[in-house]
Structure formats: C-alpha cells, structure tokens
Amino acid sequence: MRTIEDFEALEDMVRELREELDECLMADMTPAPGVGEYVFEFDHPNGDTLTCYLDIDWGEETEPARATLVNAYLGAVDVQGLLPIPIIDQIEAEALEHSWP
C-alpha cells in the first residue's frame, strides 16, 4: 500500500526532472536521444545546423535500409514539425549515407 511519503517522493522526483529539463533548455542544449535513435548533424540549406534524431531500420537482405526522422533540433527547439517534406527526405537520405561507427 502506498503512503503519503511515497507520493511526496514521486513529486520530488518529478520536480527535479522538470528543473533539469529547464536547465537544458535554458543552456540551449538538445535533449538526449531516445534509446536506439541515431544522432545526425544536418547542414540545412539556410546555413543552420540541425541535430537530428533518427530511427534507422537497416533492412534485411531483400529490403533496403530506411531512416525515419524523429526529431530535428535547432538548439533546444524541436523544428521537425516545421520542416518541409523535401528537407526531411534529404535528412533521411543523407543519414543513410553517413558512416556510422
């Protein structure tokens, strides 16, 4: 059975995580990528560099590899929803051509 102390501890954890996120945003840092996401720096034609997080399916023998853009950050701001489809296609294509370690 949960106690008041359990809920207070959870509230403290949430508060700490929010403060940490706020510090990252204020420091113009991008959030950490999700588990299994690949990080790719894309040079946008307008001169900006976007930090892109992609989900890459390397395919099998009969299927080609596919990349899906998950997030694209300009500093701490996710601009993925503002990008036109041709730019997203370019990011995904260039990410597949990138030499991954």
C-alpha atoms as a PDB file:
ATOM      1  CA  MET A   1       0.000   0.000   0.000  1.00  0.00           C
ATOM      2  CA  ARG A   2       1.299   3.444  -0.940  1.00  0.00           C
ATOM      3  CA  THR A   3       1.827   6.062   1.690  1.00  0.00           C
ATOM      4  CA  ILE A   4       1.833   9.845   1.615  1.00  0.00           C
ATOM      5  CA  GLU A   5       5.628   9.696   1.808  1.00  0.00           C
ATOM      6  CA  ASP A   6       5.720   7.608  -1.404  1.00  0.00           C
ATOM      7  CA  PHE A   7       3.721  10.217  -3.280  1.00  0.00           C
ATOM      8  CA  GLU A   8       5.810  13.044  -1.864  1.00  0.00           C
ATOM      9  CA  ALA A   9       8.966  11.250  -3.018  1.00  0.00           C
ATOM     10  CA  LEU A  10       7.499  10.901  -6.509  1.00  0.00           C
ATOM     11  CA  GLU A  11       6.566  14.582  -6.551  1.00  0.00           C
ATOM     12  CA  ASP A  12      10.150  15.452  -5.588  1.00  0.00           C
ATOM     13  CA  MET A  13      11.488  13.305  -8.442  1.00  0.00           C
ATOM     14  CA  VAL A  14       9.148  14.977 -10.937  1.00  0.00           C
ATOM     15  CA  ARG A  15      10.182  18.418  -9.710  1.00  0.00           C
ATOM     16  CA  GLU A  16      13.874  17.524 -10.065  1.00  0.00           C
ATOM     17  CA  LEU A  17      13.370  16.207 -13.605  1.00  0.00           C
ATOM     18  CA  ARG A  18      11.487  19.354 -14.614  1.00  0.00           C
ATOM     19  CA  GLU A  19      14.266  21.522 -13.197  1.00  0.00           C
ATOM     20  CA  GLU A  20      16.869  19.502 -15.089  1.00  0.00           C
ATOM     21  CA  LEU A  21      14.911  19.863 -18.343  1.00  0.00           C
ATOM     22  CA  ASP A  22      14.539  23.601 -17.754  1.00  0.00           C
ATOM     23  CA  GLU A  23      18.287  23.897 -17.219  1.00  0.00           C
ATOM     24  CA  CYS A  24      18.944  22.081 -20.511  1.00  0.00           C
ATOM     25  CA  LEU A  25      16.524  24.316 -22.383  1.00  0.00           C
ATOM     26  CA  MET A  26      17.998  27.452 -20.853  1.00  0.00           C
ATOM     27  CA  ALA A  27      21.507  26.300 -21.738  1.00  0.00           C
ATOM     28  CA  ASP A  28      20.336  25.779 -25.350  1.00  0.00           C
ATOM     29  CA  MET A  29      21.086  22.077 -25.118  1.00  0.00           C
ATOM     30  CA  THR A  30      19.208  19.456 -27.069  1.00  0.00           C
ATOM     31  CA  PRO A  31      17.541  16.711 -25.040  1.00  0.00           C
ATOM     32  CA  ALA A  32      19.153  13.273 -25.115  1.00  0.00           C
ATOM     33  CA  PRO A  33      18.089  10.974 -27.956  1.00  0.00           C
ATOM     34  CA  GLY A  34      15.735   8.110 -27.270  1.00  0.00           C
ATOM     35  CA  VAL A  35      17.002   4.566 -26.893  1.00  0.00           C
ATOM     36  CA  GLY A  36      18.092   3.230 -30.271  1.00  0.00           C
ATOM     37  CA  GLU A  37      17.916   6.590 -32.039  1.00  0.00           C
ATOM     38  CA  TYR A  38      20.822   7.737 -34.177  1.00  0.00           C
ATOM     39  CA  VAL A  39      22.140  11.302 -33.955  1.00  0.00           C
ATOM     40  CA  PHE A  40      22.984  13.034 -37.224  1.00  0.00           C
ATOM     41  CA  GLU A  41      24.097  16.636 -37.813  1.00  0.00           C
ATOM     42  CA  PHE A  42      22.391  18.070 -40.893  1.00  0.00           C
ATOM     43  CA  ASP A  43      23.547  21.235 -42.639  1.00  0.00           C
ATOM     44  CA  HIS A  44      20.308  22.951 -43.624  1.00  0.00           C
ATOM     45  CA  PRO A  45      20.440  24.914 -46.894  1.00  0.00           C
ATOM     46  CA  ASN A  46      19.719  28.151 -44.973  1.00  0.00           C
ATOM     47  CA  GLY A  47      23.019  27.757 -43.087  1.00  0.00           C
ATOM     48  CA  ASP A  48      21.692  26.318 -39.824  1.00  0.00           C
ATOM     49  CA  THR A  49      22.941  23.025 -38.422  1.00  0.00           C
ATOM     50  CA  LEU A  50      20.184  20.747 -37.163  1.00  0.00           C
ATOM     51  CA  THR A  51      20.779  17.988 -34.644  1.00  0.00           C
ATOM     52  CA  CYS A  52      18.593  15.192 -35.940  1.00  0.00           C
ATOM     53  CA  TYR A  53      17.446  12.055 -34.155  1.00  0.00           C
ATOM     54  CA  LEU A  54      16.536   9.218 -36.457  1.00  0.00           C
ATOM     55  CA  ASP A  55      15.161   5.730 -36.214  1.00  0.00           C
ATOM     56  CA  ILE A  56      17.068   3.604 -38.728  1.00  0.00           C
ATOM     57  CA  ASP A  57      15.927   0.212 -39.929  1.00  0.00           C
ATOM     58  CA  TRP A  58      18.950  -1.336 -41.599  1.00  0.00           C
ATOM     59  CA  GLY A  59      16.731  -3.728 -43.551  1.00  0.00           C
ATOM     60  CA  GLU A  60      17.412  -7.288 -44.444  1.00  0.00           C
ATOM     61  CA  GLU A  61      18.911  -8.949 -47.485  1.00  0.00           C
ATOM     62  CA  THR A  62      15.878  -8.229 -49.661  1.00  0.00           C
ATOM     63  CA  GLU A  63      14.894  -4.874 -48.146  1.00  0.00           C
ATOM     64  CA  PRO A  64      16.772  -1.583 -48.321  1.00  0.00           C
ATOM     65  CA  ALA A  65      17.641   0.388 -45.201  1.00  0.00           C
ATOM     66  CA  ARG A  66      15.174   3.113 -44.160  1.00  0.00           C
ATOM     67  CA  ALA A  67      15.627   6.131 -41.929  1.00  0.00           C
ATOM     68  CA  THR A  68      12.783   7.969 -40.212  1.00  0.00           C
ATOM     69  CA  LEU A  69      13.318  11.434 -38.758  1.00  0.00           C
ATOM     70  CA  VAL A  70      12.077  11.519 -35.164  1.00  0.00           C
ATOM     71  CA  ASN A  71      13.257  14.973 -34.044  1.00  0.00           C
ATOM     72  CA  ALA A  72      15.252  17.826 -35.563  1.00  0.00           C
ATOM     73  CA  TYR A  73      16.625  20.372 -33.111  1.00  0.00           C
ATOM     74  CA  LEU A  74      17.833  23.878 -33.765  1.00  0.00           C
ATOM     75  CA  GLY A  75      19.476  24.499 -30.415  1.00  0.00           C
ATOM     76  CA  ALA A  76      16.919  23.335 -27.854  1.00  0.00           C
ATOM     77  CA  VAL A  77      13.892  23.795 -30.127  1.00  0.00           C
ATOM     78  CA  ASP A  78      12.427  20.832 -31.998  1.00  0.00           C
ATOM     79  CA  VAL A  79      11.710  22.123 -35.504  1.00  0.00           C
ATOM     80  CA  GLN A  80      10.879  18.762 -37.070  1.00  0.00           C
ATOM     81  CA  GLY A  81       7.213  19.716 -37.484  1.00  0.00           C
ATOM     82  CA  LEU A  82       8.203  22.881 -39.361  1.00  0.00           C
ATOM     83  CA  LEU A  83      10.408  21.187 -41.950  1.00  0.00           C
ATOM     84  CA  PRO A  84       9.088  20.684 -45.488  1.00  0.00           C
ATOM     85  CA  ILE A  85       8.889  17.113 -46.784  1.00  0.00           C
ATOM     86  CA  PRO A  86      11.801  17.557 -49.269  1.00  0.00           C
ATOM     87  CA  ILE A  87      14.133  18.601 -46.413  1.00  0.00           C
ATOM     88  CA  ILE A  88      13.003  15.641 -44.287  1.00  0.00           C
ATOM     89  CA  ASP A  89      13.644  13.329 -47.251  1.00  0.00           C
ATOM     90  CA  GLN A  90      17.106  14.868 -47.674  1.00  0.00           C
ATOM     91  CA  ILE A  91      17.925  14.408 -43.971  1.00  0.00           C
ATOM     92  CA  GLU A  92      16.844  10.760 -44.056  1.00  0.00           C
ATOM     93  CA  ALA A  93      18.794  10.076 -47.281  1.00  0.00           C
ATOM     94  CA  GLU A  94      21.973  11.741 -46.009  1.00  0.00           C
ATOM     95  CA  ALA A  95      21.703   9.890 -42.691  1.00  0.00           C
ATOM     96  CA  LEU A  96      21.659   6.563 -44.538  1.00  0.00           C
ATOM     97  CA  GLU A  97      24.795   7.587 -46.463  1.00  0.00           C
ATOM     98  CA  HIS A  98      26.588   8.601 -43.249  1.00  0.00           C
ATOM     99  CA  SER A  99      29.388   6.362 -41.951  1.00  0.00           C
ATOM    100  CA  TRP A 100      28.122   5.036 -38.618  1.00  0.00           C
ATOM    101  CA  PRO A 101      30.585   3.671 -36.071  1.00  0.00           C
END
